Structures are given as structure tokens and as C-alpha cells.
All heavy atoms as atom14 arrays in JSON, in Angstrom:
{
  "sequence": "PKAAFPAPLSYQDQRMLATAQSGTWSADDGTLLNQVLFQMRDGRGN",
  "atom14_mask": [
    [1, 1, 1, 1, 1, 1, 1, 0, 0, 0, 0, 0, 0, 0],
    [1, 1, 1, 1, 1, 1, 1, 1, 1, 0, 0, 0, 0, 0],
    [1, 1, 1, 1, 1, 0, 0, 0, 0, 0, 0, 0, 0, 0],
    [1, 1, 1, 1, 1, 0, 0, 0, 0, 0, 0, 0, 0, 0],
    [1, 1, 1, 1, 1, 1, 1, 1, 1, 1, 1, 0, 0, 0],
    [1, 1, 1, 1, 1, 1, 1, 0, 0, 0, 0, 0, 0, 0],
    [1, 1, 1, 1, 1, 0, 0, 0, 0, 0, 0, 0, 0, 0],
    [1, 1, 1, 1, 1, 1, 1, 0, 0, 0, 0, 0, 0, 0],
    [1, 1, 1, 1, 1, 1, 1, 1, 0, 0, 0, 0, 0, 0],
    [1, 1, 1, 1, 1, 1, 0, 0, 0, 0, 0, 0, 0, 0],
    [1, 1, 1, 1, 1, 1, 1, 1, 1, 1, 1, 1, 0, 0],
    [1, 1, 1, 1, 1, 1, 1, 1, 1, 0, 0, 0, 0, 0],
    [1, 1, 1, 1, 1, 1, 1, 1, 0, 0, 0, 0, 0, 0],
    [1, 1, 1, 1, 1, 1, 1, 1, 1, 0, 0, 0, 0, 0],
    [1, 1, 1, 1, 1, 1, 1, 1, 1, 1, 1, 0, 0, 0],
    [1, 1, 1, 1, 1, 1, 1, 1, 0, 0, 0, 0, 0, 0],
    [1, 1, 1, 1, 1, 1, 1, 1, 0, 0, 0, 0, 0, 0],
    [1, 1, 1, 1, 1, 0, 0, 0, 0, 0, 0, 0, 0, 0],
    [1, 1, 1, 1, 1, 1, 1, 0, 0, 0, 0, 0, 0, 0],
    [1, 1, 1, 1, 1, 0, 0, 0, 0, 0, 0, 0, 0, 0],
    [1, 1, 1, 1, 1, 1, 1, 1, 1, 0, 0, 0, 0, 0],
    [1, 1, 1, 1, 1, 1, 0, 0, 0, 0, 0, 0, 0, 0],
    [1, 1, 1, 1, 0, 0, 0, 0, 0, 0, 0, 0, 0, 0],
    [1, 1, 1, 1, 1, 1, 1, 0, 0, 0, 0, 0, 0, 0],
    [1, 1, 1, 1, 1, 1, 1, 1, 1, 1, 1, 1, 1, 1],
    [1, 1, 1, 1, 1, 1, 0, 0, 0, 0, 0, 0, 0, 0],
    [1, 1, 1, 1, 1, 0, 0, 0, 0, 0, 0, 0, 0, 0],
    [1, 1, 1, 1, 1, 1, 1, 1, 0, 0, 0, 0, 0, 0],
    [1, 1, 1, 1, 1, 1, 1, 1, 0, 0, 0, 0, 0, 0],
    [1, 1, 1, 1, 0, 0, 0, 0, 0, 0, 0, 0, 0, 0],
    [1, 1, 1, 1, 1, 1, 1, 0, 0, 0, 0, 0, 0, 0],
    [1, 1, 1, 1, 1, 1, 1, 1, 0, 0, 0, 0, 0, 0],
    [1, 1, 1, 1, 1, 1, 1, 1, 0, 0, 0, 0, 0, 0],
    [1, 1, 1, 1, 1, 1, 1, 1, 0, 0, 0, 0, 0, 0],
    [1, 1, 1, 1, 1, 1, 1, 1, 1, 0, 0, 0, 0, 0],
    [1, 1, 1, 1, 1, 1, 1, 0, 0, 0, 0, 0, 0, 0],
    [1, 1, 1, 1, 1, 1, 1, 1, 0, 0, 0, 0, 0, 0],
    [1, 1, 1, 1, 1, 1, 1, 1, 1, 1, 1, 0, 0, 0],
    [1, 1, 1, 1, 1, 1, 1, 1, 1, 0, 0, 0, 0, 0],
    [1, 1, 1, 1, 1, 1, 1, 1, 0, 0, 0, 0, 0, 0],
    [1, 1, 1, 1, 1, 1, 1, 1, 1, 1, 1, 0, 0, 0],
    [1, 1, 1, 1, 1, 1, 1, 1, 0, 0, 0, 0, 0, 0],
    [1, 1, 1, 1, 0, 0, 0, 0, 0, 0, 0, 0, 0, 0],
    [1, 1, 1, 1, 1, 1, 1, 1, 1, 1, 1, 0, 0, 0],
    [1, 1, 1, 1, 0, 0, 0, 0, 0, 0, 0, 0, 0, 0],
    [1, 1, 1, 1, 1, 1, 1, 1, 0, 0, 0, 0, 0, 0]
  ],
  "atom14_positions": [
    [[62.87, 59.74, 5.09], [61.91, 59.4, 6.13], [62.53, 59.42, 7.52], [63.51, 58.74, 7.77], [61.47, 58.0, 5.76], [61.83, 57.83, 4.29], [63.04, 58.64, 4.11], [0.0, 0.0, 0.0], [0.0, 0.0, 0.0], [0.0, 0.0, 0.0], [0.0, 0.0, 0.0], [0.0, 0.0, 0.0], [0.0, 0.0, 0.0], [0.0, 0.0, 0.0]],
    [[61.96, 60.24, 8.4], [62.43, 60.33, 9.76], [61.22, 60.62, 10.66], [60.23, 61.19, 10.18], [63.43, 61.45, 9.95], [64.8, 61.21, 9.29], [65.74, 62.37, 9.6], [67.1, 62.16, 8.94], [68.04, 63.26, 9.25], [0.0, 0.0, 0.0], [0.0, 0.0, 0.0], [0.0, 0.0, 0.0], [0.0, 0.0, 0.0], [0.0, 0.0, 0.0]],
    [[61.38, 60.22, 11.94], [60.33, 60.53, 12.9], [61.0, 60.7, 14.27], [62.03, 60.07, 14.57], [59.29, 59.43, 12.96], [0.0, 0.0, 0.0], [0.0, 0.0, 0.0], [0.0, 0.0, 0.0], [0.0, 0.0, 0.0], [0.0, 0.0, 0.0], [0.0, 0.0, 0.0], [0.0, 0.0, 0.0], [0.0, 0.0, 0.0], [0.0, 0.0, 0.0]],
    [[60.4, 61.52, 15.08], [60.88, 61.75, 16.46], [59.69, 61.78, 17.43], [58.64, 62.31, 17.09], [61.67, 63.02, 16.54], [0.0, 0.0, 0.0], [0.0, 0.0, 0.0], [0.0, 0.0, 0.0], [0.0, 0.0, 0.0], [0.0, 0.0, 0.0], [0.0, 0.0, 0.0], [0.0, 0.0, 0.0], [0.0, 0.0, 0.0], [0.0, 0.0, 0.0]],
    [[59.91, 61.21, 18.6], [58.87, 61.2, 19.65], [59.54, 61.8, 20.87], [60.15, 61.15, 21.72], [58.44, 59.76, 19.94], [57.97, 58.99, 18.75], [58.82, 58.19, 18.02], [56.63, 59.12, 18.3], [58.4, 57.5, 16.89], [56.23, 58.42, 17.2], [57.08, 57.64, 16.47], [0.0, 0.0, 0.0], [0.0, 0.0, 0.0], [0.0, 0.0, 0.0]],
    [[59.42, 63.13, 21.03], [60.07, 63.8, 22.16], [59.38, 63.54, 23.49], [60.02, 63.73, 24.54], [59.97, 65.29, 21.79], [58.76, 65.39, 20.89], [58.71, 64.1, 20.12], [0.0, 0.0, 0.0], [0.0, 0.0, 0.0], [0.0, 0.0, 0.0], [0.0, 0.0, 0.0], [0.0, 0.0, 0.0], [0.0, 0.0, 0.0], [0.0, 0.0, 0.0]],
    [[58.18, 63.1, 23.48], [57.43, 62.85, 24.75], [57.41, 61.38, 25.05], [57.71, 60.55, 24.21], [56.0, 63.39, 24.6], [0.0, 0.0, 0.0], [0.0, 0.0, 0.0], [0.0, 0.0, 0.0], [0.0, 0.0, 0.0], [0.0, 0.0, 0.0], [0.0, 0.0, 0.0], [0.0, 0.0, 0.0], [0.0, 0.0, 0.0], [0.0, 0.0, 0.0]],
    [[57.08, 61.01, 26.25], [56.99, 59.62, 26.6], [56.04, 58.87, 25.66], [54.99, 59.4, 25.22], [56.42, 59.59, 28.01], [56.91, 60.92, 28.58], [56.84, 61.87, 27.43], [0.0, 0.0, 0.0], [0.0, 0.0, 0.0], [0.0, 0.0, 0.0], [0.0, 0.0, 0.0], [0.0, 0.0, 0.0], [0.0, 0.0, 0.0], [0.0, 0.0, 0.0]],
    [[56.39, 57.62, 25.34], [55.61, 56.85, 24.38], [55.38, 55.44, 24.92], [56.09, 54.97, 25.78], [56.34, 56.81, 23.0], [57.74, 56.17, 23.01], [57.66, 54.67, 22.68], [58.64, 56.85, 21.96], [0.0, 0.0, 0.0], [0.0, 0.0, 0.0], [0.0, 0.0, 0.0], [0.0, 0.0, 0.0], [0.0, 0.0, 0.0], [0.0, 0.0, 0.0]],
    [[54.41, 54.79, 24.32], [54.12, 53.36, 24.57], [54.17, 52.65, 23.22], [53.76, 53.19, 22.2], [52.82, 53.15, 25.29], [51.71, 53.57, 24.47], [0.0, 0.0, 0.0], [0.0, 0.0, 0.0], [0.0, 0.0, 0.0], [0.0, 0.0, 0.0], [0.0, 0.0, 0.0], [0.0, 0.0, 0.0], [0.0, 0.0, 0.0], [0.0, 0.0, 0.0]],
    [[54.65, 51.41, 23.28], [54.81, 50.62, 22.06], [54.29, 49.2, 22.32], [54.47, 48.64, 23.4], [56.28, 50.55, 21.64], [56.54, 49.56, 20.54], [56.4, 49.94, 19.22], [56.95, 48.26, 20.84], [56.59, 49.01, 18.18], [57.12, 47.32, 19.81], [56.96, 47.73, 18.5], [57.16, 46.81, 17.5], [0.0, 0.0, 0.0], [0.0, 0.0, 0.0]],
    [[53.68, 48.59, 21.3], [53.26, 47.24, 21.41], [53.29, 46.53, 20.04], [53.23, 47.18, 19.0], [51.83, 47.11, 21.96], [50.75, 47.59, 20.98], [49.37, 47.06, 21.39], [49.18, 45.9, 21.63], [48.42, 48.01, 21.46], [0.0, 0.0, 0.0], [0.0, 0.0, 0.0], [0.0, 0.0, 0.0], [0.0, 0.0, 0.0], [0.0, 0.0, 0.0]],
    [[53.52, 45.23, 20.09], [53.37, 44.37, 18.9], [52.91, 43.03, 19.43], [52.54, 42.85, 20.6], [54.65, 44.32, 18.08], [55.83, 43.69, 18.83], [55.59, 43.02, 19.84], [56.98, 43.94, 18.43], [0.0, 0.0, 0.0], [0.0, 0.0, 0.0], [0.0, 0.0, 0.0], [0.0, 0.0, 0.0], [0.0, 0.0, 0.0], [0.0, 0.0, 0.0]],
    [[52.92, 42.0, 18.56], [52.41, 40.73, 18.97], [53.26, 40.01, 19.99], [52.8, 39.05, 20.64], [52.27, 39.82, 17.74], [53.63, 39.52, 17.05], [53.47, 38.66, 15.84], [52.49, 37.91, 15.73], [54.43, 38.73, 14.91], [0.0, 0.0, 0.0], [0.0, 0.0, 0.0], [0.0, 0.0, 0.0], [0.0, 0.0, 0.0], [0.0, 0.0, 0.0]],
    [[54.48, 40.5, 20.25], [55.4, 39.84, 21.17], [55.55, 40.59, 22.5], [55.79, 39.97, 23.49], [56.8, 39.67, 20.59], [56.88, 38.79, 19.36], [58.29, 38.7, 18.82], [59.17, 38.21, 19.87], [60.47, 38.33, 19.78], [61.05, 38.92, 18.75], [61.26, 37.84, 20.76], [0.0, 0.0, 0.0], [0.0, 0.0, 0.0], [0.0, 0.0, 0.0]],
    [[55.39, 41.91, 22.51], [55.76, 42.65, 23.68], [55.04, 43.96, 23.83], [54.41, 44.43, 22.91], [57.3, 42.91, 23.66], [57.69, 43.79, 22.49], [59.44, 44.28, 22.55], [59.48, 45.09, 24.12], [0.0, 0.0, 0.0], [0.0, 0.0, 0.0], [0.0, 0.0, 0.0], [0.0, 0.0, 0.0], [0.0, 0.0, 0.0], [0.0, 0.0, 0.0]],
    [[55.11, 44.52, 25.05], [54.68, 45.85, 25.39], [55.91, 46.6, 25.86], [56.76, 46.01, 26.56], [53.62, 45.83, 26.45], [52.38, 44.88, 26.26], [51.53, 44.94, 27.49], [51.63, 45.32, 25.04], [0.0, 0.0, 0.0], [0.0, 0.0, 0.0], [0.0, 0.0, 0.0], [0.0, 0.0, 0.0], [0.0, 0.0, 0.0], [0.0, 0.0, 0.0]],
    [[55.98, 47.9, 25.56], [57.14, 48.68, 25.97], [56.73, 50.12, 26.15], [55.82, 50.64, 25.47], [58.3, 48.6, 24.97], [0.0, 0.0, 0.0], [0.0, 0.0, 0.0], [0.0, 0.0, 0.0], [0.0, 0.0, 0.0], [0.0, 0.0, 0.0], [0.0, 0.0, 0.0], [0.0, 0.0, 0.0], [0.0, 0.0, 0.0], [0.0, 0.0, 0.0]],
    [[57.42, 50.81, 27.06], [57.3, 52.28, 27.19], [58.71, 52.87, 27.14], [59.7, 52.21, 27.46], [56.63, 52.65, 28.54], [57.45, 52.22, 29.62], [55.25, 52.04, 28.63], [0.0, 0.0, 0.0], [0.0, 0.0, 0.0], [0.0, 0.0, 0.0], [0.0, 0.0, 0.0], [0.0, 0.0, 0.0], [0.0, 0.0, 0.0], [0.0, 0.0, 0.0]],
    [[58.79, 54.14, 26.69], [60.11, 54.83, 26.62], [59.84, 56.31, 26.88], [58.79, 56.83, 26.65], [60.74, 54.61, 25.26], [0.0, 0.0, 0.0], [0.0, 0.0, 0.0], [0.0, 0.0, 0.0], [0.0, 0.0, 0.0], [0.0, 0.0, 0.0], [0.0, 0.0, 0.0], [0.0, 0.0, 0.0], [0.0, 0.0, 0.0], [0.0, 0.0, 0.0]],
    [[60.88, 56.97, 27.38], [60.78, 58.39, 27.63], [60.82, 59.19, 26.36], [60.17, 60.26, 26.29], [61.95, 58.85, 28.58], [61.86, 58.3, 29.98], [60.58, 58.75, 30.64], [60.21, 59.91, 30.66], [59.84, 57.77, 31.23], [0.0, 0.0, 0.0], [0.0, 0.0, 0.0], [0.0, 0.0, 0.0], [0.0, 0.0, 0.0], [0.0, 0.0, 0.0]],
    [[61.51, 58.69, 25.35], [61.55, 59.38, 24.05], [62.09, 58.44, 23.02], [62.62, 57.36, 23.4], [62.39, 60.65, 24.11], [63.78, 60.32, 24.43], [0.0, 0.0, 0.0], [0.0, 0.0, 0.0], [0.0, 0.0, 0.0], [0.0, 0.0, 0.0], [0.0, 0.0, 0.0], [0.0, 0.0, 0.0], [0.0, 0.0, 0.0], [0.0, 0.0, 0.0]],
    [[62.01, 58.8, 21.74], [62.53, 57.92, 20.71], [62.63, 58.6, 19.37], [61.97, 59.67, 19.14], [0.0, 0.0, 0.0], [0.0, 0.0, 0.0], [0.0, 0.0, 0.0], [0.0, 0.0, 0.0], [0.0, 0.0, 0.0], [0.0, 0.0, 0.0], [0.0, 0.0, 0.0], [0.0, 0.0, 0.0], [0.0, 0.0, 0.0], [0.0, 0.0, 0.0]],
    [[63.47, 58.09, 18.5], [63.6, 58.6, 17.15], [63.65, 57.42, 16.16], [63.98, 56.28, 16.56], [64.89, 59.41, 16.97], [66.03, 58.57, 17.26], [64.94, 60.61, 17.91], [0.0, 0.0, 0.0], [0.0, 0.0, 0.0], [0.0, 0.0, 0.0], [0.0, 0.0, 0.0], [0.0, 0.0, 0.0], [0.0, 0.0, 0.0], [0.0, 0.0, 0.0]],
    [[63.37, 57.76, 14.9], [63.44, 56.72, 13.86], [63.89, 57.38, 12.54], [63.5, 58.53, 12.26], [62.09, 56.1, 13.63], [62.03, 55.13, 12.49], [62.36, 53.81, 12.5], [61.69, 55.42, 11.14], [62.25, 53.26, 11.29], [61.81, 54.26, 10.41], [61.28, 56.62, 10.49], [61.57, 54.21, 9.01], [61.02, 56.54, 9.12], [61.16, 55.36, 8.38]],
    [[64.69, 56.64, 11.76], [65.05, 57.09, 10.43], [65.32, 55.85, 9.58], [65.67, 54.8, 10.09], [66.32, 57.95, 10.46], [67.45, 57.17, 10.73], [0.0, 0.0, 0.0], [0.0, 0.0, 0.0], [0.0, 0.0, 0.0], [0.0, 0.0, 0.0], [0.0, 0.0, 0.0], [0.0, 0.0, 0.0], [0.0, 0.0, 0.0], [0.0, 0.0, 0.0]],
    [[65.15, 56.04, 8.28], [65.35, 54.93, 7.35], [66.79, 54.48, 7.34], [67.1, 53.28, 7.09], [64.91, 55.32, 5.96], [0.0, 0.0, 0.0], [0.0, 0.0, 0.0], [0.0, 0.0, 0.0], [0.0, 0.0, 0.0], [0.0, 0.0, 0.0], [0.0, 0.0, 0.0], [0.0, 0.0, 0.0], [0.0, 0.0, 0.0], [0.0, 0.0, 0.0]],
    [[67.74, 55.4, 7.58], [69.18, 55.07, 7.53], [69.67, 54.53, 8.84], [70.45, 53.57, 8.88], [69.99, 56.3, 7.14], [69.64, 56.76, 5.72], [69.25, 55.93, 4.9], [69.68, 58.01, 5.5], [0.0, 0.0, 0.0], [0.0, 0.0, 0.0], [0.0, 0.0, 0.0], [0.0, 0.0, 0.0], [0.0, 0.0, 0.0], [0.0, 0.0, 0.0]],
    [[69.28, 55.14, 9.98], [69.86, 54.79, 11.26], [68.98, 53.89, 12.15], [69.41, 53.51, 13.21], [70.16, 56.09, 12.05], [71.14, 56.96, 11.28], [71.98, 56.43, 10.57], [71.03, 58.22, 11.42], [0.0, 0.0, 0.0], [0.0, 0.0, 0.0], [0.0, 0.0, 0.0], [0.0, 0.0, 0.0], [0.0, 0.0, 0.0], [0.0, 0.0, 0.0]],
    [[67.79, 53.61, 11.73], [66.91, 52.75, 12.46], [66.23, 53.54, 13.6], [65.97, 54.77, 13.46], [0.0, 0.0, 0.0], [0.0, 0.0, 0.0], [0.0, 0.0, 0.0], [0.0, 0.0, 0.0], [0.0, 0.0, 0.0], [0.0, 0.0, 0.0], [0.0, 0.0, 0.0], [0.0, 0.0, 0.0], [0.0, 0.0, 0.0], [0.0, 0.0, 0.0]],
    [[65.92, 52.83, 14.68], [65.14, 53.4, 15.78], [66.0, 53.46, 17.06], [66.79, 52.54, 17.35], [63.89, 52.55, 16.06], [63.09, 52.48, 14.88], [63.07, 53.15, 17.2], [0.0, 0.0, 0.0], [0.0, 0.0, 0.0], [0.0, 0.0, 0.0], [0.0, 0.0, 0.0], [0.0, 0.0, 0.0], [0.0, 0.0, 0.0], [0.0, 0.0, 0.0]],
    [[65.87, 54.56, 17.76], [66.53, 54.7, 19.06], [65.5, 55.07, 20.12], [64.83, 56.08, 19.97], [67.63, 55.77, 18.96], [68.36, 56.04, 20.34], [69.14, 54.81, 20.73], [69.26, 57.25, 20.18], [0.0, 0.0, 0.0], [0.0, 0.0, 0.0], [0.0, 0.0, 0.0], [0.0, 0.0, 0.0], [0.0, 0.0, 0.0], [0.0, 0.0, 0.0]],
    [[65.38, 54.19, 21.13], [64.44, 54.45, 22.23], [65.27, 54.71, 23.48], [66.28, 54.05, 23.73], [63.52, 53.27, 22.46], [62.6, 52.86, 21.28], [61.79, 51.63, 21.64], [61.73, 54.02, 20.87], [0.0, 0.0, 0.0], [0.0, 0.0, 0.0], [0.0, 0.0, 0.0], [0.0, 0.0, 0.0], [0.0, 0.0, 0.0], [0.0, 0.0, 0.0]],
    [[64.81, 55.63, 24.32], [65.53, 55.97, 25.53], [64.7, 55.65, 26.77], [63.49, 55.86, 26.79], [65.82, 57.49, 25.53], [66.62, 57.92, 24.33], [67.68, 57.38, 24.04], [66.09, 58.89, 23.55], [0.0, 0.0, 0.0], [0.0, 0.0, 0.0], [0.0, 0.0, 0.0], [0.0, 0.0, 0.0], [0.0, 0.0, 0.0], [0.0, 0.0, 0.0]],
    [[65.41, 55.1, 27.79], [64.8, 54.76, 29.05], [63.55, 53.85, 28.81], [62.43, 54.2, 29.01], [64.35, 56.02, 29.83], [65.5, 57.0, 30.11], [66.6, 56.34, 30.98], [66.28, 55.54, 31.86], [67.83, 56.71, 30.7], [0.0, 0.0, 0.0], [0.0, 0.0, 0.0], [0.0, 0.0, 0.0], [0.0, 0.0, 0.0], [0.0, 0.0, 0.0]],
    [[63.88, 52.61, 28.39], [62.87, 51.68, 27.94], [62.45, 50.71, 29.08], [63.35, 50.19, 29.8], [63.39, 50.89, 26.74], [62.31, 49.92, 26.24], [63.91, 51.79, 25.64], [0.0, 0.0, 0.0], [0.0, 0.0, 0.0], [0.0, 0.0, 0.0], [0.0, 0.0, 0.0], [0.0, 0.0, 0.0], [0.0, 0.0, 0.0], [0.0, 0.0, 0.0]],
    [[61.17, 50.5, 29.23], [60.61, 49.41, 30.03], [59.84, 48.49, 29.08], [59.1, 48.99, 28.22], [59.67, 49.94, 31.11], [60.25, 50.9, 32.15], [59.13, 51.36, 33.07], [61.36, 50.24, 32.92], [0.0, 0.0, 0.0], [0.0, 0.0, 0.0], [0.0, 0.0, 0.0], [0.0, 0.0, 0.0], [0.0, 0.0, 0.0], [0.0, 0.0, 0.0]],
    [[59.99, 47.18, 29.26], [59.26, 46.27, 28.34], [58.74, 45.06, 29.1], [59.2, 44.74, 30.25], [60.2, 45.76, 27.22], [61.26, 44.79, 27.68], [61.03, 43.46, 27.72], [62.51, 45.29, 28.05], [62.02, 42.61, 28.12], [63.49, 44.45, 28.48], [63.23, 43.1, 28.5], [0.0, 0.0, 0.0], [0.0, 0.0, 0.0], [0.0, 0.0, 0.0]],
    [[57.75, 44.42, 28.53], [57.08, 43.25, 29.1], [56.73, 42.31, 27.94], [56.1, 42.72, 26.97], [55.81, 43.65, 29.82], [55.59, 42.95, 31.13], [54.4, 43.52, 31.88], [53.39, 43.85, 31.27], [54.5, 43.7, 33.18], [0.0, 0.0, 0.0], [0.0, 0.0, 0.0], [0.0, 0.0, 0.0], [0.0, 0.0, 0.0], [0.0, 0.0, 0.0]],
    [[57.15, 41.01, 28.04], [56.86, 40.07, 26.98], [55.39, 39.6, 27.15], [54.94, 39.24, 28.23], [57.8, 38.86, 27.07], [59.29, 39.24, 27.08], [59.75, 40.41, 25.79], [59.35, 39.53, 24.32], [0.0, 0.0, 0.0], [0.0, 0.0, 0.0], [0.0, 0.0, 0.0], [0.0, 0.0, 0.0], [0.0, 0.0, 0.0], [0.0, 0.0, 0.0]],
    [[54.67, 39.58, 26.06], [53.26, 39.24, 26.11], [52.99, 37.77, 26.31], [51.89, 37.37, 26.7], [52.53, 39.74, 24.85], [52.58, 41.24, 24.72], [51.81, 41.75, 23.5], [50.4, 41.52, 23.66], [49.45, 41.99, 22.77], [49.86, 42.7, 21.71], [48.2, 41.73, 22.95], [0.0, 0.0, 0.0], [0.0, 0.0, 0.0], [0.0, 0.0, 0.0]],
    [[54.01, 36.89, 26.03], [53.84, 35.47, 26.25], [54.17, 35.08, 27.67], [54.24, 33.89, 27.99], [54.65, 34.66, 25.26], [56.17, 34.99, 25.35], [56.58, 35.75, 26.28], [56.95, 34.48, 24.54], [0.0, 0.0, 0.0], [0.0, 0.0, 0.0], [0.0, 0.0, 0.0], [0.0, 0.0, 0.0], [0.0, 0.0, 0.0], [0.0, 0.0, 0.0]],
    [[54.43, 36.04, 28.55], [54.7, 35.74, 29.93], [56.13, 35.34, 30.25], [56.42, 34.82, 31.3], [0.0, 0.0, 0.0], [0.0, 0.0, 0.0], [0.0, 0.0, 0.0], [0.0, 0.0, 0.0], [0.0, 0.0, 0.0], [0.0, 0.0, 0.0], [0.0, 0.0, 0.0], [0.0, 0.0, 0.0], [0.0, 0.0, 0.0], [0.0, 0.0, 0.0]],
    [[57.07, 35.56, 29.3], [58.46, 35.12, 29.5], [59.27, 36.08, 30.31], [60.4, 35.78, 30.59], [59.14, 34.85, 28.15], [58.44, 33.75, 27.37], [59.3, 33.36, 26.18], [58.68, 32.26, 25.42], [59.29, 31.57, 24.47], [60.51, 31.85, 24.16], [58.68, 30.63, 23.82], [0.0, 0.0, 0.0], [0.0, 0.0, 0.0], [0.0, 0.0, 0.0]],
    [[58.78, 37.23, 30.64], [59.55, 38.13, 31.46], [59.43, 39.6, 31.08], [58.6, 39.99, 30.22], [0.0, 0.0, 0.0], [0.0, 0.0, 0.0], [0.0, 0.0, 0.0], [0.0, 0.0, 0.0], [0.0, 0.0, 0.0], [0.0, 0.0, 0.0], [0.0, 0.0, 0.0], [0.0, 0.0, 0.0], [0.0, 0.0, 0.0], [0.0, 0.0, 0.0]],
    [[60.24, 40.42, 31.76], [60.17, 41.85, 31.52], [61.57, 42.42, 31.84], [62.43, 41.7, 32.36], [59.14, 42.52, 32.4], [59.34, 42.26, 33.85], [60.16, 42.95, 34.49], [58.74, 41.22, 34.45], [0.0, 0.0, 0.0], [0.0, 0.0, 0.0], [0.0, 0.0, 0.0], [0.0, 0.0, 0.0], [0.0, 0.0, 0.0], [0.0, 0.0, 0.0]]
  ]
}
């Protein structure tokens, strides 16, 4: 299992919002995001 996001992406979950210029994922190596901006949804910062 592998995935790649060569284009800019946006990410969210119950804790945070994030954008990245690109990213990859694999079952062995985990996830790598490049040029990341994030914002905590509970207002704790960015």
C-alpha cells in the first residue's frame, strides 16, 4: 500500500487543519508532507 499526492493538498481531522505542497504515504515508511501549514481547531495555535 502506497499513495502519493504530487499536487498541493489540504488535510483535516478532529484536531487540526493543514495544507501541504505535496505528500506521500506508505505502510512501511508512514507519511511525508512537504511545506506544511497547520491550524489547531481548538484555537490553541498554528
